[in-house]
Amino acid sequence: MLVAPRDVIVSPFDFSCLSDTEPLGDFGFRRQHRLLKPAEFSDVFAARHILRGGLFTLHYRNNDRSVARLGLVVPKKQARTAALRNAIKRQAREAFRLRCAGLPALDLVLRLSRPVAAIDKPAWRAEMVTLFDRIGSGTRP
């Protein structure tokens, strides 16, 4: 049995395409698209611009950057298990990642506002997508 040398099987990856300053052409969820500091979250909450859904509340405010940024708040009181909280966050990041290019330059905080007992990913995703689409289309109350 012939075996090819390892350097033939594995080719090196060119990391030059993964710069933080590039636009979101590859649909990544990089550091530039996240709210990171507590002060950034506080600024969004202080702006008092809100869209409400059945389970989630989307707080938003304009930012001085060229891209939308997302922060997540999933309280333990609303989603008791870590697996449930993590599943909600994964769905939110994915929904944002796919719609980020169409969103205006806003800081967004998606907050779970009602208790969730079981994993229902399609329903969560549908509501998150609806909220992001309302922000993107400019139909804000």
Protein backbone atom coordinates (compact mmCIF):
# COMPACT_ATOMS: atom_id res chain seq x y z
CA MET A 1 0.00 0.00 0.00
CA LEU A 2 1.42 3.37 -1.02
CA VAL A 3 1.10 6.32 1.34
CA ALA A 4 1.65 9.90 0.26
CA PRO A 5 3.92 12.05 2.42
CA ARG A 6 2.07 14.27 4.90
CA ASP A 7 3.20 17.52 3.30
CA VAL A 8 1.43 16.47 0.10
CA ILE A 9 -1.87 15.74 1.86
CA VAL A 10 -2.03 18.85 4.04
CA SER A 11 -1.60 22.18 2.31
CA PRO A 12 -0.88 25.34 4.32
CA PHE A 13 -3.72 27.82 4.82
CA ASP A 14 -3.16 31.41 3.78
CA PHE A 15 -4.18 33.50 6.82
CA SER A 16 -3.68 36.81 5.01
CA CYS A 17 -7.34 36.78 3.96
CA LEU A 18 -8.53 36.87 7.58
CA SER A 19 -7.98 40.49 8.48
CA ASP A 20 -10.20 42.25 11.07
CA THR A 21 -10.48 45.34 8.90
CA GLU A 22 -12.08 43.61 5.92
CA PRO A 23 -15.81 43.90 5.27
CA LEU A 24 -17.89 40.88 6.11
CA GLY A 25 -17.51 39.21 2.72
CA ASP A 26 -17.10 35.70 4.08
CA PHE A 27 -19.96 36.01 6.61
CA GLY A 28 -17.71 35.63 9.64
CA PHE A 29 -18.55 36.80 13.15
CA ARG A 30 -15.38 38.62 14.06
CA ARG A 31 -14.41 40.83 16.96
CA GLN A 32 -15.37 43.99 15.07
CA HIS A 33 -18.99 42.74 14.97
CA ARG A 34 -19.34 42.18 18.74
CA LEU A 35 -20.13 44.37 21.70
CA LEU A 36 -17.39 43.55 24.17
CA LYS A 37 -17.36 46.01 27.06
CA PRO A 38 -20.03 46.57 29.71
CA ALA A 39 -20.00 50.29 28.84
CA GLU A 40 -21.01 49.45 25.25
CA PHE A 41 -23.98 47.44 26.51
CA SER A 42 -24.93 50.27 28.90
CA ASP A 43 -24.88 52.80 26.07
CA VAL A 44 -27.28 50.67 24.03
CA PHE A 45 -29.66 50.22 26.96
CA ALA A 46 -29.50 53.95 27.76
CA ALA A 47 -30.56 54.85 24.20
CA ARG A 48 -33.97 53.26 24.94
CA HIS A 49 -34.71 52.18 21.36
CA ILE A 50 -36.46 48.82 21.54
CA LEU A 51 -38.12 46.25 19.28
CA ARG A 52 -40.10 43.56 21.06
CA GLY A 53 -40.85 40.02 19.98
CA GLY A 54 -42.51 37.09 21.74
CA LEU A 55 -39.37 35.87 23.54
CA PHE A 56 -36.72 38.43 22.67
CA THR A 57 -36.23 42.16 22.96
CA LEU A 58 -33.84 43.93 20.59
CA HIS A 59 -32.25 47.12 21.93
CA TYR A 60 -30.41 49.30 19.41
CA ARG A 61 -28.59 52.57 18.91
CA ASN A 62 -26.54 54.18 16.14
CA ASN A 63 -22.80 53.67 16.28
CA ASP A 64 -19.88 55.55 14.76
CA ARG A 65 -18.51 52.49 12.95
CA SER A 66 -19.24 51.18 9.50
CA VAL A 67 -20.71 47.83 10.62
CA ALA A 68 -23.44 46.56 12.90
CA ARG A 69 -22.32 45.03 16.21
CA LEU A 70 -24.16 42.48 18.36
CA GLY A 71 -24.28 41.84 22.09
CA LEU A 72 -26.28 39.07 23.74
CA VAL A 73 -27.98 38.94 27.13
CA VAL A 74 -29.39 35.54 28.11
CA PRO A 75 -30.11 35.60 31.86
CA LYS A 76 -29.93 32.46 33.94
CA LYS A 77 -33.34 33.35 35.35
CA GLN A 78 -34.90 33.05 31.87
CA ALA A 79 -32.94 29.99 30.62
CA ARG A 80 -31.97 27.78 33.55
CA THR A 81 -29.42 25.42 32.00
CA ALA A 82 -26.11 26.34 30.41
CA ALA A 83 -26.90 24.15 27.40
CA LEU A 84 -30.09 26.12 26.79
CA ARG A 85 -28.35 29.50 27.14
CA ASN A 86 -25.56 28.41 24.80
CA ALA A 87 -28.04 27.13 22.19
CA ILE A 88 -29.85 30.48 22.22
CA LYS A 89 -26.57 32.37 21.80
CA ARG A 90 -25.46 30.14 18.92
CA GLN A 91 -28.74 30.72 17.09
CA ALA A 92 -28.51 34.48 17.65
CA ARG A 93 -24.93 34.69 16.38
CA GLU A 94 -25.79 32.67 13.29
CA ALA A 95 -28.89 34.75 12.49
CA PHE A 96 -26.86 37.96 12.93
CA ARG A 97 -23.91 36.64 10.94
CA LEU A 98 -26.11 35.90 7.92
CA ARG A 99 -27.85 39.30 8.03
CA CYS A 100 -25.02 41.55 9.16
CA ALA A 101 -24.16 42.82 5.70
CA GLY A 102 -27.70 44.15 5.23
CA LEU A 103 -27.93 45.90 8.60
CA PRO A 104 -27.20 49.60 9.12
CA ALA A 105 -24.36 50.70 11.42
CA LEU A 106 -26.07 49.99 14.75
CA ASP A 107 -25.12 48.53 18.10
CA LEU A 108 -27.64 45.78 18.85
CA VAL A 109 -28.31 43.92 22.08
CA LEU A 110 -30.57 40.89 21.80
CA ARG A 111 -32.04 40.06 25.19
CA LEU A 112 -34.08 37.01 26.18
CA SER A 113 -37.05 38.55 27.96
CA ARG A 114 -39.29 35.56 28.74
CA PRO A 115 -38.55 32.21 30.35
CA VAL A 116 -37.64 29.35 28.01
CA ALA A 117 -37.88 25.76 29.22
CA ALA A 118 -37.07 23.67 26.15
CA ILE A 119 -34.89 23.96 23.07
CA ASP A 120 -36.90 25.21 20.09
CA LYS A 121 -34.27 26.42 17.63
CA PRO A 122 -36.56 27.02 14.61
CA ALA A 123 -38.89 29.27 16.63
CA TRP A 124 -35.98 31.21 18.17
CA ARG A 125 -34.31 31.67 14.81
CA ALA A 126 -37.54 32.83 13.16
CA GLU A 127 -38.10 35.47 15.82
CA MET A 128 -34.49 36.67 15.73
CA VAL A 129 -34.55 36.90 11.94
CA THR A 130 -37.80 38.89 12.10
CA LEU A 131 -36.28 41.37 14.56
CA PHE A 132 -33.07 41.76 12.52
CA ASP A 133 -35.09 42.19 9.32
CA ARG A 134 -37.24 44.89 10.94
CA ILE A 135 -34.08 46.76 11.92
CA GLY A 136 -32.57 46.28 8.45
CA SER A 137 -35.64 47.49 6.59
CA GLY A 138 -35.92 50.61 8.73
CA THR A 139 -39.40 49.81 10.09
CA ARG A 140 -38.68 50.79 13.66
CA PRO A 141 -41.52 51.95 15.91
